[in-house]
Amino acid sequence: MRTDSSPGTLPAREHLPAAGAGTPVLDVVIPVYNEEKDLQPCVRRLHEHLARTFPYAFRITIADNASTDTTPQVAARLAAELAEVRSFRLEQKGRGRALRTVWSASDAPVLAYMDVDLSTDLNALLPLVAPLISGHSDLAIGSRLARSSRVVRGAKREFISRSYNLILRGSLQARFSDAQCGFKAIRGDVARVLLPLVEDSGWFFDTEMLVLAERAGLRIHEVPVDWVDDPDSTVHIVKTATDDLKGVWRVGRALATGSLPLDRLARPFGDDPRDRDIKDVPPGLTRQLVGFCVVGALSTLFYLLLYSGFRTFSGSQIANALALLVSTIANTAANRRLTFGVRGRGGAVRHQAQGLAVWGIGLILTSGSLAALNAATDGAAHSTELAVLIAANLAATVLRFLLFRAWVFPERDADLPGVPEPSTVVATHRPATPFDPNPYGHPPLPQRPAAPYEIHRDAMTRLPADTDPRNPR
């Protein structure tokens, strides 16, 4: 069912189609390690909640992270007793590894996970996955830091959580409010594109996935939650915090150096509002103007500082030429990366050569202005020279932007390796070709009998009770 109200403006997002009998719409993963005591009551409570309130077919998958106690036996018993429960065993630890493995092998269109302690109130589960089912959002997270959330936990954990999210905002420009809450969901088609790019296999998995999703232009929905801290949690705070900071440094460095395959992340689903068609405005012009103005302002300041320094031991013309040459090289490199989004070393020498040609035009304008000033006034003050240079640079800046956009960094620069054509699409919300449900080669999840629920195609309600064999009249 198409959900766009203005055809031709943005690519349409689509509501997930009603699933056939036996196909779960939601797969909830519970990663566990040595949870023999809490696993059974947790799974039974979650199963009862979903069976009673969730209007879709569902599955609960227990992902055992190499437990050394009786957790595998408990999981196997639950899978044997409850038709909607499955058990999956991994021989290596790591929450991120467990989620990546199970999510990659799942056939459900919506994938979620929650911690085994069920600290988050289960009434938030349907609001969490509803935007994914409707097609409105691509990922969804529970947030303990939203203004309307109700949270019970100690001051130490509160301080650590808020400090970590401030670090993410300051270092990775993250806009989501809570990276660590163990209550998240993602669309299956999005996961198949995003998960291969996430390197971490531990606790930083969530954060890295969310940061990459934001950089991909995906929509992240946040749900305020009611959350009660588990006093018996086995999470090692210091080790987890250290690993998270290492992950922040790794991802931040990768983003800064351009080593991430950003061509695969650049709006892979083609539904970023920045792609909106604006009449009579060339694509990307507004963003490029903003970036060019910021770089230009910093470059002008750098140029004036260099000019003042060179002016102390040379004439005005030589000082102007040297300052303009150095600042132009820096300006070209900054605009290449920040304004026009060209990454990698391919074409860098050519771009600098073209930038020097543009520098020659700027040199003519500024040198001519200084020559005119010296001809009109003998011994002009240094402040007057700076004022004349600023005016000449403004004229040169307008010309520089036009030349950069039309000649140095044209819109379709197919000669640069790693720069895709603007029409390149990595994936769509409706895959045109069949996908590999198990790209990592992990053992497939064991097949269980079909759940006795399905989505009614005319109304999003549970089928009558007499069609459910577990609820005889």
Protein backbone atom coordinates (compact mmCIF):
# COMPACT_ATOMS: atom_id res chain seq x y z
CA MET A 1 0.00 0.00 0.00
CA ARG A 2 1.56 3.27 -1.09
CA THR A 3 1.72 5.87 1.64
CA ASP A 4 3.02 8.97 -0.15
CA SER A 5 0.67 11.91 -0.48
CA SER A 6 2.68 13.87 -3.08
CA PRO A 7 3.82 11.58 -5.92
CA GLY A 8 7.04 12.67 -7.57
CA THR A 9 8.33 14.56 -4.56
CA LEU A 10 9.94 11.77 -2.53
CA PRO A 11 10.21 8.03 -3.14
CA ALA A 12 7.27 6.29 -1.55
CA ARG A 13 7.62 4.46 1.73
CA GLU A 14 5.40 1.43 1.96
CA HIS A 15 3.49 -0.37 4.67
CA LEU A 16 4.68 -3.94 5.12
CA PRO A 17 2.27 -6.26 3.32
CA ALA A 18 0.07 -8.54 5.39
CA ALA A 19 2.08 -11.68 6.09
CA GLY A 20 0.88 -15.08 5.01
CA ALA A 21 -0.01 -17.74 7.52
CA GLY A 22 3.01 -18.97 9.39
CA THR A 23 5.27 -16.02 8.48
CA PRO A 24 6.16 -13.95 11.55
CA VAL A 25 6.05 -10.18 11.16
CA LEU A 26 8.23 -9.63 14.23
CA ASP A 27 11.28 -11.56 15.43
CA VAL A 28 12.34 -10.56 18.96
CA VAL A 29 15.88 -11.66 19.84
CA ILE A 30 16.99 -12.11 23.44
CA PRO A 31 20.79 -12.42 23.68
CA VAL A 32 21.83 -14.28 26.84
CA TYR A 33 24.98 -15.44 28.58
CA ASN A 34 24.68 -17.62 31.70
CA GLU A 35 21.08 -16.58 32.41
CA GLU A 36 19.71 -19.94 33.61
CA LYS A 37 17.83 -18.25 36.45
CA ASP A 38 16.13 -15.38 34.60
CA LEU A 39 15.66 -16.82 31.12
CA GLN A 40 12.50 -18.89 31.65
CA PRO A 41 10.41 -16.25 33.50
CA CYS A 42 11.55 -13.61 31.01
CA VAL A 43 10.59 -15.58 27.91
CA ARG A 44 7.26 -16.71 29.35
CA ARG A 45 6.38 -13.17 30.36
CA LEU A 46 7.31 -11.81 26.91
CA HIS A 47 5.44 -14.61 25.14
CA GLU A 48 2.32 -14.02 27.22
CA HIS A 49 2.45 -10.29 26.51
CA LEU A 50 2.82 -10.75 22.74
CA ALA A 51 0.13 -13.43 22.55
CA ARG A 52 -2.28 -11.20 24.47
CA THR A 53 -1.61 -7.77 22.92
CA PHE A 54 0.31 -8.07 19.66
CA PRO A 55 -1.94 -8.27 16.53
CA TYR A 56 0.70 -9.90 14.31
CA ALA A 57 2.42 -13.24 14.03
CA PHE A 58 5.62 -13.16 16.06
CA ARG A 59 8.68 -15.17 16.97
CA ILE A 60 10.98 -15.09 20.03
CA THR A 61 14.57 -16.17 19.40
CA ILE A 62 16.89 -16.96 22.29
CA ALA A 63 20.49 -16.25 21.20
CA ASP A 64 22.80 -18.07 23.56
CA ASN A 65 26.27 -16.46 23.66
CA ALA A 66 28.40 -19.50 24.54
CA SER A 67 26.87 -19.95 28.01
CA THR A 68 28.68 -22.33 30.35
CA ASP A 69 25.77 -23.05 32.71
CA THR A 70 22.42 -24.71 31.96
CA THR A 71 21.13 -21.81 29.85
CA PRO A 72 21.17 -23.89 26.62
CA GLN A 73 19.03 -26.59 28.23
CA VAL A 74 16.54 -24.02 29.53
CA ALA A 75 16.34 -22.43 26.06
CA ALA A 76 15.77 -25.83 24.43
CA ARG A 77 12.92 -26.65 26.83
CA LEU A 78 11.24 -23.32 26.13
CA ALA A 79 11.55 -23.87 22.37
CA ALA A 80 9.97 -27.31 22.74
CA GLU A 81 7.06 -26.04 24.85
CA LEU A 82 6.20 -22.77 23.03
CA ALA A 83 5.58 -22.84 19.27
CA GLU A 84 6.70 -19.24 18.79
CA VAL A 85 10.04 -19.69 20.60
CA ARG A 86 13.30 -20.76 18.98
CA SER A 87 16.75 -21.35 20.41
CA PHE A 88 20.01 -20.48 18.68
CA ARG A 89 23.46 -21.35 20.05
CA LEU A 90 26.68 -19.40 19.34
CA GLU A 91 30.07 -20.68 20.40
CA GLN A 92 31.51 -17.18 20.82
CA LYS A 93 30.50 -14.39 23.18
CA GLY A 94 29.36 -10.96 22.11
CA ARG A 95 25.95 -9.34 22.04
CA GLY A 96 26.65 -7.70 18.70
CA ARG A 97 27.75 -11.02 17.22
CA ALA A 98 24.53 -12.67 18.44
CA LEU A 99 22.29 -9.96 16.99
CA ARG A 100 24.09 -9.88 13.65
CA THR A 101 23.94 -13.68 13.33
CA VAL A 102 20.26 -14.11 14.19
CA TRP A 103 19.02 -11.00 12.40
CA SER A 104 20.91 -11.97 9.24
CA ALA A 105 19.31 -15.42 9.22
CA SER A 106 15.78 -14.28 10.10
CA ASP A 107 13.00 -14.10 7.52
CA ALA A 108 10.88 -11.67 9.55
CA PRO A 109 10.40 -8.18 8.02
CA VAL A 110 10.81 -6.51 11.45
CA LEU A 111 13.65 -7.46 13.79
CA ALA A 112 13.93 -6.41 17.43
CA TYR A 113 15.89 -7.23 20.54
CA MET A 114 15.61 -6.67 24.27
CA ASP A 115 17.67 -7.51 27.32
CA VAL A 116 16.79 -10.63 29.26
CA ASP A 117 16.05 -8.70 32.46
CA LEU A 118 13.08 -6.95 30.76
CA SER A 119 14.02 -3.66 32.40
CA THR A 120 11.94 -1.87 29.76
CA ASP A 121 8.18 -1.98 30.19
CA LEU A 122 6.75 -4.24 27.48
CA ASN A 123 3.92 -1.83 26.71
CA ALA A 124 6.48 0.12 24.66
CA LEU A 125 7.04 -2.80 22.27
CA LEU A 126 4.11 -2.13 19.93
CA PRO A 127 4.89 1.64 19.70
CA LEU A 128 8.50 0.64 18.97
CA VAL A 129 7.75 -1.56 15.95
CA ALA A 130 4.62 0.17 14.60
CA PRO A 131 6.56 2.86 12.66
CA LEU A 132 8.65 0.13 11.02
CA ILE A 133 5.60 -1.89 10.02
CA SER A 134 3.92 1.21 8.58
CA GLY A 135 7.03 2.15 6.59
CA HIS A 136 7.37 5.49 8.37
CA SER A 137 10.77 4.68 9.91
CA ASP A 138 13.74 2.40 9.30
CA LEU A 139 14.99 1.86 12.86
CA ALA A 140 13.43 2.43 16.28
CA ILE A 141 15.01 2.74 19.71
CA GLY A 142 13.73 3.00 23.24
CA SER A 143 15.01 6.09 25.01
CA ARG A 144 15.49 6.44 28.75
CA LEU A 145 16.66 10.03 28.31
CA ALA A 146 13.52 11.43 26.68
CA ARG A 147 11.70 14.03 28.76
CA SER A 148 8.61 11.86 29.17
CA SER A 149 10.50 8.65 30.06
CA ARG A 150 10.16 7.24 33.56
CA VAL A 151 13.40 5.74 34.78
CA VAL A 152 14.43 4.16 38.08
CA ARG A 153 18.20 3.68 38.42
CA GLY A 154 21.17 4.76 40.49
CA ALA A 155 23.01 8.05 40.12
CA LYS A 156 26.17 6.30 38.89
CA ARG A 157 24.50 4.63 35.92
CA GLU A 158 22.55 7.80 35.16
CA PHE A 159 25.76 9.84 35.05
CA ILE A 160 27.58 7.29 32.87
CA SER A 161 24.68 7.03 30.41
CA ARG A 162 24.27 10.78 29.98
CA SER A 163 28.02 11.34 29.73
CA TYR A 164 28.33 8.69 27.03
CA ASN A 165 25.56 10.21 24.96
CA LEU A 166 27.15 13.67 25.30
CA ILE A 167 30.39 12.17 23.98
CA LEU A 168 28.53 10.72 21.00
CA ARG A 169 26.91 14.06 20.25
CA GLY A 170 30.19 15.94 20.51
CA SER A 171 32.45 13.51 18.66
CA LEU A 172 30.21 11.73 16.13
CA GLN A 173 27.46 14.38 15.80
CA ALA A 174 24.88 11.78 16.86
CA ARG A 175 21.33 13.09 17.10
CA PHE A 176 19.68 10.10 18.78
CA SER A 177 19.28 10.44 22.54
CA ASP A 178 20.02 6.96 23.97
CA ALA A 179 22.44 4.55 22.30
CA GLN A 180 22.65 1.96 25.08
CA CYS A 181 19.05 1.13 25.92
CA GLY A 182 18.55 -2.59 25.26
CA PHE A 183 15.30 -2.09 23.38
CA LYS A 184 15.68 -1.59 19.61
CA ALA A 185 14.15 -2.65 16.29
CA ILE A 186 15.08 -2.47 12.61
CA ARG A 187 13.42 -3.33 9.32
CA GLY A 188 14.74 -6.52 7.77
CA ASP A 189 15.52 -4.94 4.39
CA VAL A 190 17.47 -2.17 6.11
CA ALA A 191 19.38 -4.67 8.25
CA ARG A 192 20.57 -6.59 5.20
CA VAL A 193 22.29 -3.44 3.89
CA LEU A 194 23.45 -1.97 7.19
CA LEU A 195 24.71 -4.94 9.22
CA PRO A 196 27.61 -5.88 6.91
CA LEU A 197 29.08 -2.43 7.59
CA VAL A 198 29.00 -2.77 11.40
CA GLU A 199 32.33 -4.11 12.67
CA ASP A 200 31.80 -4.34 16.42
CA SER A 201 30.59 -7.63 17.89
CA GLY A 202 30.18 -6.52 21.51
CA TRP A 203 28.32 -3.78 23.38
CA PHE A 204 29.30 -1.01 20.95
CA PHE A 205 27.32 -2.76 18.19
CA ASP A 206 24.20 -0.68 18.90
CA THR A 207 26.01 2.65 18.78
CA GLU A 208 27.89 1.87 15.58
CA MET A 209 24.70 0.69 13.87
CA LEU A 210 22.85 3.88 14.83
CA VAL A 211 25.70 6.19 13.76
CA LEU A 212 25.97 4.52 10.36
CA ALA A 213 22.18 4.62 9.99
CA GLU A 214 22.19 8.37 10.58
CA ARG A 215 25.01 8.86 8.08
CA ALA A 216 22.95 6.82 5.61
CA GLY A 217 20.05 9.25 5.96
CA LEU A 218 17.79 6.62 7.53
CA ARG A 219 14.93 7.61 9.80
CA ILE A 220 15.32 6.62 13.47
CA HIS A 221 12.19 6.65 15.61
CA GLU A 222 12.55 7.14 19.38
CA VAL A 223 10.09 5.85 21.95
CA PRO A 224 10.09 7.14 25.56
CA VAL A 225 10.13 4.13 27.85
CA ASP A 226 9.47 3.19 31.45
CA TRP A 227 12.67 1.55 32.67
CA VAL A 228 13.71 0.02 35.98
CA ASP A 229 17.38 -0.78 36.56
CA ASP A 230 18.30 -4.40 37.24
CA PRO A 231 20.43 -4.42 40.42
CA ASP A 232 21.75 -7.90 39.57
CA SER A 233 23.06 -6.91 36.13
CA THR A 234 26.30 -8.71 35.21
CA VAL A 235 27.50 -5.97 32.85
CA HIS A 236 31.05 -4.80 33.71
CA ILE A 237 30.64 -1.02 33.57
CA VAL A 238 34.32 -0.06 33.39
CA LYS A 239 35.21 -2.59 30.67
CA THR A 240 32.09 -1.77 28.68
CA ALA A 241 32.76 1.98 28.91
CA THR A 242 36.38 1.46 27.81
CA ASP A 243 35.34 -0.66 24.82
CA ASP A 244 32.69 1.90 23.88
CA LEU A 245 35.22 4.76 23.90
CA LYS A 246 37.56 2.69 21.71
CA GLY A 247 34.66 2.15 19.34
CA VAL A 248 33.87 5.88 19.27
CA TRP A 249 37.51 6.60 18.38
CA ARG A 250 37.52 3.93 15.63
CA VAL A 251 34.30 5.09 14.00
CA GLY A 252 35.19 8.77 14.37
CA ARG A 253 38.59 8.21 12.76
CA ALA A 254 37.01 6.21 9.93
CA LEU A 255 34.52 9.00 9.26
CA ALA A 256 37.23 11.68 9.40
CA THR A 257 39.62 9.88 7.06
CA GLY A 258 36.93 8.75 4.63
CA SER A 259 37.85 5.07 5.01
CA LEU A 260 34.22 4.02 5.46
CA PRO A 261 32.45 3.07 2.22
CA LEU A 262 30.31 6.18 2.32
CA ASP A 263 29.10 5.60 -1.23
CA ARG A 264 27.18 2.61 0.19
CA LEU A 265 25.86 4.69 3.07
CA ALA A 266 24.76 7.78 1.15
CA ARG A 267 21.00 7.52 1.35
CA PRO A 268 20.82 3.88 0.19
CA PHE A 269 17.03 3.85 0.32
CA GLY A 270 16.65 7.09 -1.61
CA ASP A 271 14.19 8.63 0.82
CA ASP A 272 16.19 11.39 2.54
CA PRO A 273 14.30 14.74 2.64
CA ARG A 274 17.44 16.34 1.20
CA ASP A 275 16.53 14.64 -2.08
CA ARG A 276 13.34 16.68 -2.30
CA ASP A 277 12.94 18.32 -5.68
CA ILE A 278 13.03 22.13 -5.41
CA LYS A 279 11.89 24.00 -8.48
CA ASP A 280 14.53 26.13 -10.26
CA VAL A 281 17.27 25.24 -7.74
CA PRO A 282 20.08 22.94 -8.99
CA PRO A 283 20.54 19.79 -6.87
CA GLY A 284 22.80 20.31 -3.86
CA LEU A 285 23.21 24.06 -4.47
CA THR A 286 21.95 25.15 -1.05
CA ARG A 287 24.20 22.75 0.85
CA GLN A 288 27.19 23.66 -1.30
CA LEU A 289 26.61 27.39 -0.77
CA VAL A 290 26.55 26.95 3.00
CA GLY A 291 29.68 24.82 2.99
CA PHE A 292 31.49 27.18 0.62
CA CYS A 293 30.64 30.22 2.76
CA VAL A 294 31.95 28.55 5.92
CA VAL A 295 35.17 27.43 4.22
CA GLY A 296 35.50 30.84 2.56
CA ALA A 297 35.17 32.73 5.83
CA LEU A 298 37.85 30.59 7.49
CA SER A 299 40.08 30.83 4.41
CA THR A 300 39.78 34.62 4.33
CA LEU A 301 40.79 34.86 7.97
CA PHE A 302 43.73 32.53 7.29
CA TYR A 303 44.70 34.63 4.26
CA LEU A 304 44.65 37.90 6.21
CA LEU A 305 46.78 36.40 8.98
CA LEU A 306 49.30 35.15 6.43
CA TYR A 307 49.32 38.50 4.64
CA SER A 308 49.98 40.36 7.87
CA GLY A 309 52.83 37.98 8.67
CA PHE A 310 54.45 38.16 5.22
CA ARG A 311 53.98 41.96 5.16
CA THR A 312 56.45 42.37 8.02
CA PHE A 313 59.41 41.40 5.82
CA SER A 314 58.22 41.97 2.24
CA GLY A 315 56.26 44.35 0.05
CA SER A 316 52.50 44.26 -0.28
CA GLN A 317 52.48 42.51 -3.67
CA ILE A 318 54.81 39.69 -2.61
CA ALA A 319 52.98 39.25 0.72
CA ASN A 320 49.67 39.12 -1.12
CA ALA A 321 50.90 36.53 -3.63
CA LEU A 322 52.39 34.24 -0.97
CA ALA A 323 49.37 34.50 1.35
CA LEU A 324 46.96 33.91 -1.51
CA LEU A 325 48.91 30.88 -2.76
CA VAL A 326 49.01 29.12 0.62
CA SER A 327 45.39 29.90 1.49
CA THR A 328 44.20 28.82 -1.97
CA ILE A 329 45.78 25.36 -1.60
CA ALA A 330 44.10 24.94 1.78
CA ASN A 331 40.82 26.34 0.44
CA THR A 332 40.74 23.95 -2.53
CA ALA A 333 41.41 20.93 -0.31
CA ALA A 334 38.71 21.97 2.19
CA ASN A 335 36.09 22.68 -0.48
CA ARG A 336 36.93 19.44 -2.27
CA ARG A 337 36.12 17.40 0.83
CA LEU A 338 33.53 19.43 2.75
CA THR A 339 31.62 21.42 0.13
CA PHE A 340 31.57 19.12 -2.89
CA GLY A 341 31.93 15.77 -1.05
CA VAL A 342 34.87 14.41 -3.07
CA ARG A 343 36.82 11.82 -1.06
CA GLY A 344 39.90 9.79 -1.77
CA ARG A 345 43.13 10.78 -3.49
CA GLY A 346 41.95 10.26 -7.05
CA GLY A 347 41.97 13.55 -8.96
CA ALA A 348 43.45 15.52 -6.05
CA VAL A 349 46.46 16.76 -8.07
CA ARG A 350 44.22 17.82 -10.95
CA HIS A 351 41.91 19.65 -8.60
CA GLN A 352 44.82 21.52 -7.00
CA ALA A 353 46.11 22.48 -10.45
CA GLN A 354 42.70 23.82 -11.40
CA GLY A 355 42.53 25.57 -8.04
CA LEU A 356 45.82 27.32 -8.81
CA ALA A 357 44.34 28.52 -12.09
CA VAL A 358 41.47 29.99 -10.10
CA TRP A 359 44.12 31.42 -7.74
CA GLY A 360 45.63 33.27 -10.70
CA ILE A 361 42.33 35.06 -11.26
CA GLY A 362 42.13 35.98 -7.59
CA LEU A 363 45.72 37.19 -7.71
CA ILE A 364 44.93 39.48 -10.61
CA LEU A 365 41.94 40.98 -8.75
CA THR A 366 43.75 41.50 -5.44
CA SER A 367 47.04 42.67 -6.96
CA GLY A 368 45.19 45.08 -9.21
CA SER A 369 43.32 46.47 -6.21
CA LEU A 370 46.58 46.99 -4.30
CA ALA A 371 48.19 48.61 -7.32
CA ALA A 372 45.25 50.97 -7.69
CA LEU A 373 45.43 51.83 -3.98
CA ASN A 374 49.16 52.55 -4.13
CA ALA A 375 48.68 54.70 -7.22
CA ALA A 376 45.93 56.70 -5.58
CA THR A 377 47.55 57.09 -2.14
CA ASP A 378 51.17 57.20 -1.06
CA GLY A 379 51.90 55.08 2.04
CA ALA A 380 48.40 53.70 2.65
CA ALA A 381 47.76 52.41 6.17
CA HIS A 382 47.82 48.67 6.82
CA SER A 383 44.12 48.71 7.80
CA THR A 384 43.28 50.35 4.48
CA GLU A 385 45.18 47.64 2.60
CA LEU A 386 43.23 44.94 4.49
CA ALA A 387 39.91 46.63 3.67
CA VAL A 388 40.76 46.78 -0.04
CA LEU A 389 41.87 43.13 -0.01
CA ILE A 390 38.67 42.02 1.69
CA ALA A 391 36.57 43.77 -0.97
CA ALA A 392 38.66 42.25 -3.77
CA ASN A 393 38.43 38.81 -2.16
CA LEU A 394 34.63 39.01 -2.02
CA ALA A 395 34.53 39.48 -5.79
CA ALA A 396 37.08 36.68 -6.24
CA THR A 397 35.07 34.40 -3.94
CA VAL A 398 31.92 34.65 -6.06
CA LEU A 399 33.91 33.86 -9.18
CA ARG A 400 35.74 31.02 -7.37
CA PHE A 401 32.47 29.33 -6.38
CA LEU A 402 31.13 29.44 -9.92
CA LEU A 403 34.35 28.01 -11.32
CA PHE A 404 34.56 25.34 -8.62
CA ARG A 405 31.01 24.18 -9.27
CA ALA A 406 31.13 24.28 -13.08
CA TRP A 407 34.77 23.36 -13.80
CA VAL A 408 36.80 22.01 -10.87
CA PHE A 409 34.09 19.91 -9.15
CA PRO A 410 31.29 19.40 -11.69
CA GLU A 411 28.11 17.68 -10.56
CA ARG A 412 28.88 14.44 -12.46
CA ASP A 413 32.54 13.74 -11.90
CA ALA A 414 32.67 10.19 -13.23
CA ASP A 415 36.46 10.25 -13.53
CA LEU A 416 36.96 10.10 -9.78
CA PRO A 417 37.21 6.58 -8.33
CA GLY A 418 34.83 5.96 -5.48
CA VAL A 419 32.42 8.77 -6.46
CA PRO A 420 29.16 7.20 -7.68
CA GLU A 421 26.84 8.74 -10.17
CA PRO A 422 23.99 10.63 -8.46
CA SER A 423 21.54 8.03 -9.72
CA THR A 424 23.31 5.16 -7.93
CA VAL A 425 20.96 3.29 -5.61
CA VAL A 426 22.28 0.68 -3.21
CA ALA A 427 18.97 -0.76 -2.09
CA THR A 428 15.27 0.00 -2.04
CA HIS A 429 12.46 -0.60 0.39
CA ARG A 430 11.08 -3.12 -2.10
CA PRO A 431 13.96 -5.30 -3.30
CA ALA A 432 13.57 -5.92 -7.02
CA THR A 433 15.53 -9.17 -6.87
CA PRO A 434 15.57 -11.98 -4.32
CA PHE A 435 18.05 -11.53 -1.52
CA ASP A 436 20.22 -14.03 0.30
CA PRO A 437 18.51 -14.54 3.69
CA ASN A 438 21.74 -15.83 5.18
CA PRO A 439 24.63 -13.73 3.76
CA TYR A 440 27.03 -14.69 6.55
CA GLY A 441 26.77 -18.45 6.02
CA HIS A 442 25.56 -19.10 9.56
CA PRO A 443 23.50 -22.21 10.28
CA PRO A 444 19.83 -21.45 9.57
CA LEU A 445 17.42 -21.12 12.44
CA PRO A 446 15.48 -24.35 13.01
CA GLN A 447 11.99 -24.27 11.58
CA ARG A 448 9.14 -24.33 14.06
CA PRO A 449 5.41 -24.89 13.48
CA ALA A 450 3.60 -21.85 12.23
CA ALA A 451 2.21 -19.43 14.78
CA PRO A 452 -1.61 -19.57 14.99
CA TYR A 453 -1.87 -15.81 14.35
CA GLU A 454 -2.00 -13.92 11.10
CA ILE A 455 -2.81 -10.40 10.02
CA HIS A 456 -6.36 -9.90 8.87
CA ARG A 457 -6.13 -8.26 5.45
CA ASP A 458 -9.12 -5.99 5.97
CA ALA A 459 -8.56 -4.91 9.56
CA MET A 460 -5.48 -4.86 11.81
CA THR A 461 -7.13 -6.97 14.49
CA ARG A 462 -6.70 -10.48 15.82
CA LEU A 463 -8.76 -13.12 14.10
CA PRO A 464 -11.80 -14.38 16.01
CA ALA A 465 -11.00 -16.41 19.08
CA ASP A 466 -12.54 -19.58 17.65
CA THR A 467 -9.80 -19.66 14.99
CA ASP A 468 -7.11 -19.86 17.65
CA PRO A 469 -6.71 -23.47 18.86
CA ARG A 470 -5.24 -22.26 22.12
CA ASN A 471 -8.38 -20.29 22.99
CA PRO A 472 -11.33 -22.74 22.56
CA ARG A 473 -14.73 -21.43 23.34
